[in-house]
Amino acid sequence: MSNMDYTDNQERMGNNSLTDKNCCHLTNKTKQRGNGEYKDLLNRLSRIEGQVRGIKTMVERDAYCVDILTQVSAVTAALNSFSKVLLANHIKTCVADDIRQGKNETIDELVATLQKLMK
């Protein structure tokens, strides 16, 4: 079990020893997600993982380049969709909470994040 899995499991079990667990804007922070959000994100990632494995198999089996590129495009679209969902959740929770608490530096972080996503 990775440290991230441990942290997630501890949060889900209600371990309150983790501090500031609802704020995810710094790399050393964690965020407790509701079961619906958690399951949705993991399901999306599992599908993407399967698609990537499929692409690997296509390469191993010498599939036609255009067919592989079509699947790569599907994975890219799935990752973009995942990012949109995660970003929307982040804005609605972490960013909104921080702004309510007067942590306006979160806006700068959000702008920087959006600039990275739009490269």
PDB file of N, CA and C in Angstrom:
ATOM      1  N   MET A   1       0.848  -1.174   0.000  1.00  0.00           N
ATOM      2  CA  MET A   1       0.000   0.000   0.000  1.00  0.00           C
ATOM      3  C   MET A   1       0.891   1.233   0.000  1.00  0.00           C
ATOM      4  N   SER A   2       0.645   2.153  -0.942  1.00  0.00           N
ATOM      5  CA  SER A   2       1.458   3.364  -1.009  1.00  0.00           C
ATOM      6  C   SER A   2       1.061   4.329   0.102  1.00  0.00           C
ATOM      7  N   ASN A   3       1.922   5.343   0.314  1.00  0.00           N
ATOM      8  CA  ASN A   3       1.593   6.362   1.304  1.00  0.00           C
ATOM      9  C   ASN A   3       0.294   7.067   0.963  1.00  0.00           C
ATOM     10  N   MET A   4       0.053   7.309  -0.343  1.00  0.00           N
ATOM     11  CA  MET A   4      -1.173   7.976  -0.762  1.00  0.00           C
ATOM     12  C   MET A   4      -2.380   7.111  -0.419  1.00  0.00           C
ATOM     13  N   ASP A   5      -2.281   5.797  -0.690  1.00  0.00           N
ATOM     14  CA  ASP A   5      -3.376   4.891  -0.344  1.00  0.00           C
ATOM     15  C   ASP A   5      -3.612   4.899   1.154  1.00  0.00           C
ATOM     16  N   TYR A   6      -2.547   4.907   1.926  1.00  0.00           N
ATOM     17  CA  TYR A   6      -2.673   4.921   3.381  1.00  0.00           C
ATOM     18  C   TYR A   6      -3.403   6.182   3.831  1.00  0.00           C
ATOM     19  N   THR A   7      -2.987   7.320   3.282  1.00  0.00           N
ATOM     20  CA  THR A   7      -3.622   8.579   3.647  1.00  0.00           C
ATOM     21  C   THR A   7      -5.100   8.549   3.285  1.00  0.00           C
ATOM     22  N   ASP A   8      -5.412   8.091   2.064  1.00  0.00           N
ATOM     23  CA  ASP A   8      -6.803   8.027   1.634  1.00  0.00           C
ATOM     24  C   ASP A   8      -7.608   7.100   2.537  1.00  0.00           C
ATOM     25  N   ASN A   9      -7.054   5.948   2.851  1.00  0.00           N
ATOM     26  CA  ASN A   9      -7.766   4.998   3.702  1.00  0.00           C
ATOM     27  C   ASN A   9      -7.958   5.543   5.103  1.00  0.00           C
ATOM     28  N   GLN A  10      -6.956   6.200   5.648  1.00  0.00           N
ATOM     29  CA  GLN A  10      -7.090   6.773   6.983  1.00  0.00           C
ATOM     30  C   GLN A  10      -8.180   7.829   6.999  1.00  0.00           C
ATOM     31  N   GLU A  11      -8.240   8.633   5.950  1.00  0.00           N
ATOM     32  CA  GLU A  11      -9.275   9.661   5.880  1.00  0.00           C
ATOM     33  C   GLU A  11     -10.653   9.036   5.775  1.00  0.00           C
ATOM     34  N   ARG A  12     -10.803   8.003   4.952  1.00  0.00           N
ATOM     35  CA  ARG A  12     -12.094   7.356   4.777  1.00  0.00           C
ATOM     36  C   ARG A  12     -12.566   6.673   6.053  1.00  0.00           C
ATOM     37  N   MET A  13     -11.610   6.218   6.859  1.00  0.00           N
ATOM     38  CA  MET A  13     -11.970   5.545   8.101  1.00  0.00           C
ATOM     39  C   MET A  13     -12.251   6.563   9.202  1.00  0.00           C
ATOM     40  N   GLY A  14     -12.142   7.846   8.881  1.00  0.00           N
ATOM     41  CA  GLY A  14     -12.459   8.868   9.864  1.00  0.00           C
ATOM     42  C   GLY A  14     -11.319   9.194  10.798  1.00  0.00           C
ATOM     43  N   ASN A  15     -10.109   8.871  10.426  1.00  0.00           N
ATOM     44  CA  ASN A  15      -8.952   9.194  11.256  1.00  0.00           C
ATOM     45  C   ASN A  15      -8.758  10.699  11.232  1.00  0.00           C
ATOM     46  N   ASN A  16      -8.976  11.336  12.350  1.00  0.00           N
ATOM     47  CA  ASN A  16      -8.886  12.788  12.413  1.00  0.00           C
ATOM     48  C   ASN A  16      -7.492  13.277  12.757  1.00  0.00           C
ATOM     49  N   SER A  17      -6.503  12.381  12.763  1.00  0.00           N
ATOM     50  CA  SER A  17      -5.147  12.818  13.074  1.00  0.00           C
ATOM     51  C   SER A  17      -4.522  13.588  11.918  1.00  0.00           C
ATOM     52  N   LEU A  18      -5.128  13.491  10.731  1.00  0.00           N
ATOM     53  CA  LEU A  18      -4.623  14.256   9.600  1.00  0.00           C
ATOM     54  C   LEU A  18      -5.141  15.675   9.727  1.00  0.00           C
ATOM     55  N   THR A  19      -4.253  16.639   9.526  1.00  0.00           N
ATOM     56  CA  THR A  19      -4.671  18.028   9.695  1.00  0.00           C
ATOM     57  C   THR A  19      -4.983  18.651   8.356  1.00  0.00           C
ATOM     58  N   ASP A  20      -5.906  19.593   8.370  1.00  0.00           N
ATOM     59  CA  ASP A  20      -6.262  20.377   7.190  1.00  0.00           C
ATOM     60  C   ASP A  20      -6.555  19.493   5.988  1.00  0.00           C
ATOM     61  N   LYS A  21      -7.312  18.414   6.191  1.00  0.00           N
ATOM     62  CA  LYS A  21      -7.491  17.421   5.139  1.00  0.00           C
ATOM     63  C   LYS A  21      -8.460  17.841   4.049  1.00  0.00           C
ATOM     64  N   ASN A  22      -9.164  18.941   4.211  1.00  0.00           N
ATOM     65  CA  ASN A  22     -10.079  19.385   3.175  1.00  0.00           C
ATOM     66  C   ASN A  22      -9.446  20.367   2.207  1.00  0.00           C
ATOM     67  N   CYS A  23      -8.216  20.720   2.423  1.00  0.00           N
ATOM     68  CA  CYS A  23      -7.555  21.690   1.564  1.00  0.00           C
ATOM     69  C   CYS A  23      -6.454  20.989   0.779  1.00  0.00           C
ATOM     70  N   CYS A  24      -6.570  21.021  -0.539  1.00  0.00           N
ATOM     71  CA  CYS A  24      -5.620  20.250  -1.344  1.00  0.00           C
ATOM     72  C   CYS A  24      -4.708  21.129  -2.189  1.00  0.00           C
ATOM     73  N   HIS A  25      -4.596  22.397  -1.894  1.00  0.00           N
ATOM     74  CA  HIS A  25      -3.893  23.278  -2.814  1.00  0.00           C
ATOM     75  C   HIS A  25      -2.372  23.256  -2.700  1.00  0.00           C
ATOM     76  N   LEU A  26      -1.826  22.631  -1.697  1.00  0.00           N
ATOM     77  CA  LEU A  26      -0.375  22.515  -1.602  1.00  0.00           C
ATOM     78  C   LEU A  26       0.005  21.050  -1.757  1.00  0.00           C
ATOM     79  N   THR A  27       1.182  20.823  -2.310  1.00  0.00           N
ATOM     80  CA  THR A  27       1.561  19.445  -2.608  1.00  0.00           C
ATOM     81  C   THR A  27       1.665  18.580  -1.367  1.00  0.00           C
ATOM     82  N   ASN A  28       1.859  19.164  -0.212  1.00  0.00           N
ATOM     83  CA  ASN A  28       1.941  18.352   1.001  1.00  0.00           C
ATOM     84  C   ASN A  28       0.591  18.213   1.686  1.00  0.00           C
ATOM     85  N   LYS A  29      -0.466  18.669   1.062  1.00  0.00           N
ATOM     86  CA  LYS A  29      -1.811  18.577   1.627  1.00  0.00           C
ATOM     87  C   LYS A  29      -2.545  17.393   1.014  1.00  0.00           C
ATOM     88  N   THR A  30      -3.594  16.997   1.683  1.00  0.00           N
ATOM     89  CA  THR A  30      -4.463  15.959   1.143  1.00  0.00           C
ATOM     90  C   THR A  30      -5.870  16.512   1.059  1.00  0.00           C
ATOM     91  N   LYS A  31      -6.744  15.778   0.416  1.00  0.00           N
ATOM     92  CA  LYS A  31      -8.138  16.193   0.308  1.00  0.00           C
ATOM     93  C   LYS A  31      -9.019  14.972   0.470  1.00  0.00           C
ATOM     94  N   GLN A  32      -9.924  15.053   1.381  1.00  0.00           N
ATOM     95  CA  GLN A  32     -10.884  13.972   1.558  1.00  0.00           C
ATOM     96  C   GLN A  32     -12.015  14.169   0.570  1.00  0.00           C
ATOM     97  N   ARG A  33     -12.260  13.173  -0.245  1.00  0.00           N
ATOM     98  CA  ARG A  33     -13.313  13.235  -1.242  1.00  0.00           C
ATOM     99  C   ARG A  33     -14.489  12.397  -0.770  1.00  0.00           C
ATOM    100  N   GLY A  34     -15.659  12.839  -1.141  1.00  0.00           N
ATOM    101  CA  GLY A  34     -16.840  12.035  -0.862  1.00  0.00           C
ATOM    102  C   GLY A  34     -16.771  10.744  -1.655  1.00  0.00           C
ATOM    103  N   ASN A  35     -17.508   9.736  -1.213  1.00  0.00           N
ATOM    104  CA  ASN A  35     -17.466   8.439  -1.890  1.00  0.00           C
ATOM    105  C   ASN A  35     -17.849   8.537  -3.358  1.00  0.00           C
ATOM    106  N   GLY A  36     -18.826   9.382  -3.700  1.00  0.00           N
ATOM    107  CA  GLY A  36     -19.235   9.517  -5.094  1.00  0.00           C
ATOM    108  C   GLY A  36     -18.117  10.066  -5.963  1.00  0.00           C
ATOM    109  N   GLU A  37     -17.494  11.143  -5.507  1.00  0.00           N
ATOM    110  CA  GLU A  37     -16.394  11.745  -6.258  1.00  0.00           C
ATOM    111  C   GLU A  37     -15.225  10.773  -6.352  1.00  0.00           C
ATOM    112  N   TYR A  38     -14.905  10.140  -5.243  1.00  0.00           N
ATOM    113  CA  TYR A  38     -13.792   9.185  -5.190  1.00  0.00           C
ATOM    114  C   TYR A  38     -14.001   8.055  -6.196  1.00  0.00           C
ATOM    115  N   LYS A  39     -15.181   7.455  -6.170  1.00  0.00           N
ATOM    116  CA  LYS A  39     -15.474   6.336  -7.074  1.00  0.00           C
ATOM    117  C   LYS A  39     -15.474   6.785  -8.531  1.00  0.00           C
ATOM    118  N   ASP A  40     -16.040   7.961  -8.805  1.00  0.00           N
ATOM    119  CA  ASP A  40     -16.063   8.472 -10.170  1.00  0.00           C
ATOM    120  C   ASP A  40     -14.652   8.675 -10.706  1.00  0.00           C
ATOM    121  N   LEU A  41     -13.800   9.307  -9.918  1.00  0.00           N
ATOM    122  CA  LEU A  41     -12.430   9.553 -10.367  1.00  0.00           C
ATOM    123  C   LEU A  41     -11.674   8.245 -10.579  1.00  0.00           C
ATOM    124  N   LEU A  42     -11.813   7.317  -9.639  1.00  0.00           N
ATOM    125  CA  LEU A  42     -11.119   6.033  -9.794  1.00  0.00           C
ATOM    126  C   LEU A  42     -11.637   5.246 -10.991  1.00  0.00           C
ATOM    127  N   ASN A  43     -12.953   5.274 -11.224  1.00  0.00           N
ATOM    128  CA  ASN A  43     -13.507   4.586 -12.397  1.00  0.00           C
ATOM    129  C   ASN A  43     -12.969   5.174 -13.686  1.00  0.00           C
ATOM    130  N   ARG A  44     -12.901   6.498 -13.746  1.00  0.00           N
ATOM    131  CA  ARG A  44     -12.351   7.150 -14.937  1.00  0.00           C
ATOM    132  C   ARG A  44     -10.893   6.737 -15.155  1.00  0.00           C
ATOM    133  N   LEU A  45     -10.121   6.741 -14.074  1.00  0.00           N
ATOM    134  CA  LEU A  45      -8.707   6.366 -14.193  1.00  0.00           C
ATOM    135  C   LEU A  45      -8.537   4.902 -14.572  1.00  0.00           C
ATOM    136  N   SER A  46      -9.385   4.051 -14.062  1.00  0.00           N
ATOM    137  CA  SER A  46      -9.316   2.626 -14.422  1.00  0.00           C
ATOM    138  C   SER A  46      -9.596   2.424 -15.908  1.00  0.00           C
ATOM    139  N   ARG A  47     -10.581   3.151 -16.432  1.00  0.00           N
ATOM    140  CA  ARG A  47     -10.866   3.046 -17.867  1.00  0.00           C
ATOM    141  C   ARG A  47      -9.682   3.548 -18.688  1.00  0.00           C
ATOM    142  N   ILE A  48      -9.098   4.658 -18.266  1.00  0.00           N
ATOM    143  CA  ILE A  48      -7.937   5.209 -18.974  1.00  0.00           C
ATOM    144  C   ILE A  48      -6.775   4.226 -18.923  1.00  0.00           C
ATOM    145  N   GLU A  49      -6.562   3.646 -17.757  1.00  0.00           N
ATOM    146  CA  GLU A  49      -5.493   2.656 -17.606  1.00  0.00           C
ATOM    147  C   GLU A  49      -5.707   1.487 -18.567  1.00  0.00           C
ATOM    148  N   GLY A  50      -6.930   1.035 -18.679  1.00  0.00           N
ATOM    149  CA  GLY A  50      -7.241  -0.052 -19.612  1.00  0.00           C
ATOM    150  C   GLY A  50      -6.985   0.350 -21.049  1.00  0.00           C
ATOM    151  N   GLN A  51      -7.342   1.588 -21.385  1.00  0.00           N
ATOM    152  CA  GLN A  51      -7.088   2.076 -22.744  1.00  0.00           C
ATOM    153  C   GLN A  51      -5.589   2.112 -23.041  1.00  0.00           C
ATOM    154  N   VAL A  52      -4.797   2.561 -22.074  1.00  0.00           N
ATOM    155  CA  VAL A  52      -3.344   2.629 -22.278  1.00  0.00           C
ATOM    156  C   VAL A  52      -2.774   1.222 -22.435  1.00  0.00           C
ATOM    157  N   ARG A  53      -3.240   0.293 -21.636  1.00  0.00           N
ATOM    158  CA  ARG A  53      -2.794  -1.104 -21.800  1.00  0.00           C
ATOM    159  C   ARG A  53      -3.166  -1.631 -23.182  1.00  0.00           C
ATOM    160  N   GLY A  54      -4.340  -1.231 -23.653  1.00  0.00           N
ATOM    161  CA  GLY A  54      -4.759  -1.633 -24.999  1.00  0.00           C
ATOM    162  C   GLY A  54      -3.832  -1.086 -26.065  1.00  0.00           C
ATOM    163  N   ILE A  55      -3.398   0.139 -25.901  1.00  0.00           N
ATOM    164  CA  ILE A  55      -2.453   0.729 -26.852  1.00  0.00           C
ATOM    165  C   ILE A  55      -1.135  -0.030 -26.825  1.00  0.00           C
ATOM    166  N   LYS A  56      -0.681  -0.386 -25.628  1.00  0.00           N
ATOM    167  CA  LYS A  56       0.558  -1.156 -25.519  1.00  0.00           C
ATOM    168  C   LYS A  56       0.422  -2.478 -26.274  1.00  0.00           C
ATOM    169  N   THR A  57      -0.699  -3.122 -26.103  1.00  0.00           N
ATOM    170  CA  THR A  57      -0.943  -4.387 -26.801  1.00  0.00           C
ATOM    171  C   THR A  57      -0.956  -4.176 -28.309  1.00  0.00           C
ATOM    172  N   MET A  58      -1.554  -3.082 -28.744  1.00  0.00           N
ATOM    173  CA  MET A  58      -1.582  -2.797 -30.179  1.00  0.00           C
ATOM    174  C   MET A  58      -0.160  -2.641 -30.728  1.00  0.00           C
ATOM    175  N   VAL A  59       0.700  -1.948 -29.986  1.00  0.00           N
ATOM    176  CA  VAL A  59       2.090  -1.778 -30.427  1.00  0.00           C
ATOM    177  C   VAL A  59       2.785  -3.131 -30.454  1.00  0.00           C
ATOM    178  N   GLU A  60       2.576  -3.925 -29.413  1.00  0.00           N
ATOM    179  CA  GLU A  60       3.209  -5.247 -29.350  1.00  0.00           C
ATOM    180  C   GLU A  60       2.763  -6.142 -30.506  1.00  0.00           C
ATOM    181  N   ARG A  61       1.558  -5.935 -30.976  1.00  0.00           N
ATOM    182  CA  ARG A  61       1.013  -6.762 -32.062  1.00  0.00           C
ATOM    183  C   ARG A  61       1.161  -6.104 -33.435  1.00  0.00           C
ATOM    184  N   ASP A  62       1.975  -5.070 -33.482  1.00  0.00           N
ATOM    185  CA  ASP A  62       2.260  -4.378 -34.740  1.00  0.00           C
ATOM    186  C   ASP A  62       1.010  -3.850 -35.426  1.00  0.00           C
ATOM    187  N   ALA A  63       0.117  -3.254 -34.659  1.00  0.00           N
ATOM    188  CA  ALA A  63      -1.102  -2.678 -35.229  1.00  0.00           C
ATOM    189  C   ALA A  63      -0.745  -1.508 -36.141  1.00  0.00           C
ATOM    190  N   TYR A  64      -1.650  -1.190 -37.010  1.00  0.00           N
ATOM    191  CA  TYR A  64      -1.471  -0.100 -37.969  1.00  0.00           C
ATOM    192  C   TYR A  64      -1.387   1.231 -37.221  1.00  0.00           C
ATOM    193  N   CYS A  65      -0.481   2.083 -37.651  1.00  0.00           N
ATOM    194  CA  CYS A  65      -0.198   3.356 -36.971  1.00  0.00           C
ATOM    195  C   CYS A  65      -1.454   4.190 -36.737  1.00  0.00           C
ATOM    196  N   VAL A  66      -2.292   4.317 -37.749  1.00  0.00           N
ATOM    197  CA  VAL A  66      -3.488   5.146 -37.636  1.00  0.00           C
ATOM    198  C   VAL A  66      -4.428   4.587 -36.562  1.00  0.00           C
ATOM    199  N   ASP A  67      -4.512   3.274 -36.468  1.00  0.00           N
ATOM    200  CA  ASP A  67      -5.360   2.667 -35.442  1.00  0.00           C
ATOM    201  C   ASP A  67      -4.829   2.984 -34.041  1.00  0.00           C
ATOM    202  N   ILE A  68      -3.527   2.946 -33.883  1.00  0.00           N
ATOM    203  CA  ILE A  68      -2.917   3.271 -32.593  1.00  0.00           C
ATOM    204  C   ILE A  68      -3.153   4.754 -32.279  1.00  0.00           C
ATOM    205  N   LEU A  69      -2.922   5.610 -33.261  1.00  0.00           N
ATOM    206  CA  LEU A  69      -3.126   7.042 -33.050  1.00  0.00           C
ATOM    207  C   LEU A  69      -4.574   7.367 -32.688  1.00  0.00           C
ATOM    208  N   THR A  70      -5.503   6.649 -33.259  1.00  0.00           N
ATOM    209  CA  THR A  70      -6.911   6.840 -32.914  1.00  0.00           C
ATOM    210  C   THR A  70      -7.148   6.523 -31.445  1.00  0.00           C
ATOM    211  N   GLN A  71      -6.535   5.448 -30.970  1.00  0.00           N
ATOM    212  CA  GLN A  71      -6.679   5.084 -29.557  1.00  0.00           C
ATOM    213  C   GLN A  71      -5.957   6.078 -28.645  1.00  0.00           C
ATOM    214  N   VAL A  72      -4.822   6.583 -29.078  1.00  0.00           N
ATOM    215  CA  VAL A  72      -4.106   7.605 -28.307  1.00  0.00           C
ATOM    216  C   VAL A  72      -4.982   8.849 -28.171  1.00  0.00           C
ATOM    217  N   SER A  73      -5.656   9.207 -29.250  1.00  0.00           N
ATOM    218  CA  SER A  73      -6.558  10.352 -29.212  1.00  0.00           C
ATOM    219  C   SER A  73      -7.693  10.123 -28.215  1.00  0.00           C
ATOM    220  N   ALA A  74      -8.197   8.915 -28.144  1.00  0.00           N
ATOM    221  CA  ALA A  74      -9.268   8.586 -27.188  1.00  0.00           C
ATOM    222  C   ALA A  74      -8.763   8.711 -25.749  1.00  0.00           C
ATOM    223  N   VAL A  75      -7.540   8.256 -25.501  1.00  0.00           N
ATOM    224  CA  VAL A  75      -6.950   8.372 -24.160  1.00  0.00           C
ATOM    225  C   VAL A  75      -6.747   9.841 -23.801  1.00  0.00           C
ATOM    226  N   THR A  76      -6.264  10.618 -24.741  1.00  0.00           N
ATOM    227  CA  THR A  76      -6.059  12.042 -24.508  1.00  0.00           C
ATOM    228  C   THR A  76      -7.383  12.714 -24.149  1.00  0.00           C
ATOM    229  N   ALA A  77      -8.437  12.384 -24.874  1.00  0.00           N
ATOM    230  CA  ALA A  77      -9.757  12.959 -24.590  1.00  0.00           C
ATOM    231  C   ALA A  77     -10.242  12.526 -23.202  1.00  0.00           C
ATOM    232  N   ALA A  78     -10.003  11.272 -22.850  1.00  0.00           N
ATOM    233  CA  ALA A  78     -10.419  10.769 -21.536  1.00  0.00           C
ATOM    234  C   ALA A  78      -9.646  11.468 -20.419  1.00  0.00           C
ATOM    235  N   LEU A  79      -8.356  11.680 -20.604  1.00  0.00           N
ATOM    236  CA  LEU A  79      -7.560  12.403 -19.603  1.00  0.00           C
ATOM    237  C   LEU A  79      -8.008  13.853 -19.484  1.00  0.00           C
ATOM    238  N   ASN A  80      -8.325  14.477 -20.607  1.00  0.00           N
ATOM    239  CA  ASN A  80      -8.830  15.851 -20.565  1.00  0.00           C
ATOM    240  C   ASN A  80     -10.154  15.919 -19.814  1.00  0.00           C
ATOM    241  N   SER A  81     -11.009  14.946 -20.035  1.00  0.00           N
ATOM    242  CA  SER A  81     -12.288  14.900 -19.329  1.00  0.00           C
ATOM    243  C   SER A  81     -12.069  14.710 -17.830  1.00  0.00           C
ATOM    244  N   PHE A  82     -11.156  13.824 -17.466  1.00  0.00           N
ATOM    245  CA  PHE A  82     -10.807  13.607 -16.068  1.00  0.00           C
ATOM    246  C   PHE A  82     -10.318  14.917 -15.440  1.00  0.00           C
ATOM    247  N   SER A  83      -9.446  15.619 -16.155  1.00  0.00           N
ATOM    248  CA  SER A  83      -8.904  16.884 -15.649  1.00  0.00           C
ATOM    249  C   SER A  83     -10.006  17.918 -15.439  1.00  0.00           C
ATOM    250  N   LYS A  84     -10.946  17.986 -16.356  1.00  0.00           N
ATOM    251  CA  LYS A  84     -12.050  18.938 -16.222  1.00  0.00           C
ATOM    252  C   LYS A  84     -12.890  18.652 -14.979  1.00  0.00           C
ATOM    253  N   VAL A  85     -13.195  17.378 -14.763  1.00  0.00           N
ATOM    254  CA  VAL A  85     -13.987  16.997 -13.588  1.00  0.00           C
ATOM    255  C   VAL A  85     -13.213  17.317 -12.311  1.00  0.00           C
ATOM    256  N   LEU A  86     -11.944  16.952 -12.268  1.00  0.00           N
ATOM    257  CA  LEU A  86     -11.121  17.200 -11.085  1.00  0.00           C
ATOM    258  C   LEU A  86     -10.967  18.699 -10.839  1.00  0.00           C
ATOM    259  N   LEU A  87     -10.749  19.469 -11.897  1.00  0.00           N
ATOM    260  CA  LEU A  87     -10.601  20.906 -11.761  1.00  0.00           C
ATOM    261  C   LEU A  87     -11.890  21.545 -11.242  1.00  0.00           C
ATOM    262  N   ALA A  88     -13.015  21.135 -11.771  1.00  0.00           N
ATOM    263  CA  ALA A  88     -14.300  21.684 -11.311  1.00  0.00           C
ATOM    264  C   ALA A  88     -14.503  21.377  -9.831  1.00  0.00           C
ATOM    265  N   ASN A  89     -14.218  20.149  -9.423  1.00  0.00           N
ATOM    266  CA  ASN A  89     -14.340  19.786  -8.005  1.00  0.00           C
ATOM    267  C   ASN A  89     -13.379  20.604  -7.149  1.00  0.00           C
ATOM    268  N   HIS A  90     -12.172  20.807  -7.649  1.00  0.00           N
ATOM    269  CA  HIS A  90     -11.168  21.581  -6.917  1.00  0.00           C
ATOM    270  C   HIS A  90     -11.646  23.018  -6.699  1.00  0.00           C
ATOM    271  N   ILE A  91     -12.182  23.623  -7.747  1.00  0.00           N
ATOM    272  CA  ILE A  91     -12.655  25.008  -7.641  1.00  0.00           C
ATOM    273  C   ILE A  91     -13.824  25.102  -6.669  1.00  0.00           C
ATOM    274  N   LYS A  92     -14.750  24.148  -6.767  1.00  0.00           N
ATOM    275  CA  LYS A  92     -15.951  24.182  -5.920  1.00  0.00           C
ATOM    276  C   LYS A  92     -15.646  23.915  -4.448  1.00  0.00           C
ATOM    277  N   THR A  93     -14.561  23.221  -4.180  1.00  0.00           N
ATOM    278  CA  THR A  93     -14.262  22.874  -2.786  1.00  0.00           C
ATOM    279  C   THR A  93     -13.034  23.629  -2.287  1.00  0.00           C
ATOM    280  N   CYS A  94     -11.878  23.214  -2.677  1.00  0.00           N
ATOM    281  CA  CYS A  94     -10.625  23.773  -2.159  1.00  0.00           C
ATOM    282  C   CYS A  94     -10.509  25.275  -2.385  1.00  0.00           C
ATOM    283  N   VAL A  95     -10.703  25.700  -3.624  1.00  0.00           N
ATOM    284  CA  VAL A  95     -10.527  27.111  -3.945  1.00  0.00           C
ATOM    285  C   VAL A  95     -11.584  27.955  -3.238  1.00  0.00           C
ATOM    286  N   ALA A  96     -12.835  27.528  -3.324  1.00  0.00           N
ATOM    287  CA  ALA A  96     -13.915  28.287  -2.680  1.00  0.00           C
ATOM    288  C   ALA A  96     -13.691  28.385  -1.171  1.00  0.00           C
ATOM    289  N   ASP A  97     -13.308  27.271  -0.543  1.00  0.00           N
ATOM    290  CA  ASP A  97     -13.055  27.275   0.903  1.00  0.00           C
ATOM    291  C   ASP A  97     -11.917  28.227   1.254  1.00  0.00           C
ATOM    292  N   ASP A  98     -10.844  28.182   0.483  1.00  0.00           N
ATOM    293  CA  ASP A  98      -9.702  29.056   0.760  1.00  0.00           C
ATOM    294  C   ASP A  98     -10.067  30.529   0.599  1.00  0.00           C
ATOM    295  N   ILE A  99     -10.828  30.850  -0.417  1.00  0.00           N
ATOM    296  CA  ILE A  99     -11.224  32.247  -0.620  1.00  0.00           C
ATOM    297  C   ILE A  99     -12.103  32.714   0.541  1.00  0.00           C
ATOM    298  N   ARG A 100     -13.025  31.849   0.988  1.00  0.00           N
ATOM    299  CA  ARG A 100     -13.862  32.204   2.140  1.00  0.00           C
ATOM    300  C   ARG A 100     -13.020  32.462   3.382  1.00  0.00           C
ATOM    301  N   GLN A 101     -11.874  31.768   3.477  1.00  0.00           N
ATOM    302  CA  GLN A 101     -10.986  31.923   4.628  1.00  0.00           C
ATOM    303  C   GLN A 101      -9.979  33.054   4.422  1.00  0.00           C
ATOM    304  N   GLY A 102     -10.097  33.772   3.319  1.00  0.00           N
ATOM    305  CA  GLY A 102      -9.207  34.900   3.063  1.00  0.00           C
ATOM    306  C   GLY A 102      -7.857  34.513   2.487  1.00  0.00           C
ATOM    307  N   LYS A 103      -7.702  33.285   2.029  1.00  0.00           N
ATOM    308  CA  LYS A 103      -6.434  32.822   1.450  1.00  0.00           C
ATOM    309  C   LYS A 103      -6.428  33.131  -0.045  1.00  0.00           C
ATOM    310  N   ASN A 104      -6.249  34.382  -0.367  1.00  0.00           N
ATOM    311  CA  ASN A 104      -6.326  34.818  -1.761  1.00  0.00           C
ATOM    312  C   ASN A 104      -5.166  34.329  -2.623  1.00  0.00           C
ATOM    313  N   GLU A 105      -4.094  33.838  -2.019  1.00  0.00           N
ATOM    314  CA  GLU A 105      -2.987  33.280  -2.802  1.00  0.00           C
ATOM    315  C   GLU A 105      -3.439  32.053  -3.599  1.00  0.00           C
ATOM    316  N   THR A 106      -4.539  31.471  -3.186  1.00  0.00           N
ATOM    317  CA  THR A 106      -5.096  30.319  -3.901  1.00  0.00           C
ATOM    318  C   THR A 106      -5.502  30.709  -5.317  1.00  0.00           C
ATOM    319  N   ILE A 107      -5.899  31.948  -5.509  1.00  0.00           N
ATOM    320  CA  ILE A 107      -6.265  32.416  -6.849  1.00  0.00           C
ATOM    321  C   ILE A 107      -5.044  32.389  -7.757  1.00  0.00           C
ATOM    322  N   ASP A 108      -3.896  32.832  -7.252  1.00  0.00           N
ATOM    323  CA  ASP A 108      -2.659  32.781  -8.039  1.00  0.00           C
ATOM    324  C   ASP A 108      -2.308  31.337  -8.390  1.00  0.00           C
ATOM    325  N   GLU A 109      -2.488  30.446  -7.427  1.00  0.00           N
ATOM    326  CA  GLU A 109      -2.201  29.034  -7.682  1.00  0.00           C
ATOM    327  C   GLU A 109      -3.139  28.480  -8.747  1.00  0.00           C
ATOM    328  N   LEU A 110      -4.413  28.849  -8.683  1.00  0.00           N
ATOM    329  CA  LEU A 110      -5.378  28.394  -9.682  1.00  0.00           C
ATOM    330  C   LEU A 110      -5.010  28.905 -11.068  1.00  0.00           C
ATOM    331  N   VAL A 111      -4.624  30.165 -11.165  1.00  0.00           N
ATOM    332  CA  VAL A 111      -4.214  30.736 -12.446  1.00  0.00           C
ATOM    333  C   VAL A 111      -3.001  29.977 -12.993  1.00  0.00           C
ATOM    334  N   ALA A 112      -2.029  29.711 -12.155  1.00  0.00           N
ATOM    335  CA  ALA A 112      -0.836  28.963 -12.585  1.00  0.00           C
ATOM    336  C   ALA A 112      -1.218  27.551 -13.043  1.00  0.00           C
ATOM    337  N   THR A 113      -2.127  26.929 -12.326  1.00  0.00           N
ATOM    338  CA  THR A 113      -2.583  25.586 -12.689  1.00  0.00           C
ATOM    339  C   THR A 113      -3.277  25.600 -14.048  1.00  0.00           C
ATOM    340  N   LEU A 114      -4.148  26.579 -14.252  1.00  0.00           N
ATOM    341  CA  LEU A 114      -4.845  26.688 -15.537  1.00  0.00           C
ATOM    342  C   LEU A 114      -3.859  26.930 -16.671  1.00  0.00           C
ATOM    343  N   GLN A 115      -2.827  27.737 -16.429  1.00  0.00           N
ATOM    344  CA  GLN A 115      -1.821  27.982 -17.470  1.00  0.00           C
ATOM    345  C   GLN A 115      -1.093  26.684 -17.823  1.00  0.00           C
ATOM    346  N   LYS A 116      -0.803  25.849 -16.829  1.00  0.00           N
ATOM    347  CA  LYS A 116      -0.157  24.561 -17.096  1.00  0.00           C
ATOM    348  C   LYS A 116      -1.070  23.654 -17.911  1.00  0.00           C
ATOM    349  N   LEU A 117      -2.353  23.650 -17.551  1.00  0.00           N
ATOM    350  CA  LEU A 117      -3.302  22.779 -18.256  1.00  0.00           C
ATOM    351  C   LEU A 117      -3.534  23.200 -19.695  1.00  0.00           C
ATOM    352  N   MET A 118      -3.337  24.475 -19.967  1.00  0.00           N
ATOM    353  CA  MET A 118      -3.634  24.992 -21.313  1.00  0.00           C
ATOM    354  C   MET A 118      -2.418  25.002 -22.244  1.00  0.00           C
ATOM    355  N   LYS A 119      -1.337  24.404 -21.840  1.00  0.00           N
ATOM    356  CA  LYS A 119      -0.134  24.358 -22.696  1.00  0.00           C
ATOM    357  C   LYS A 119      -0.417  23.559 -23.935  1.00  0.00           C
TER     358      LYS A 119
END
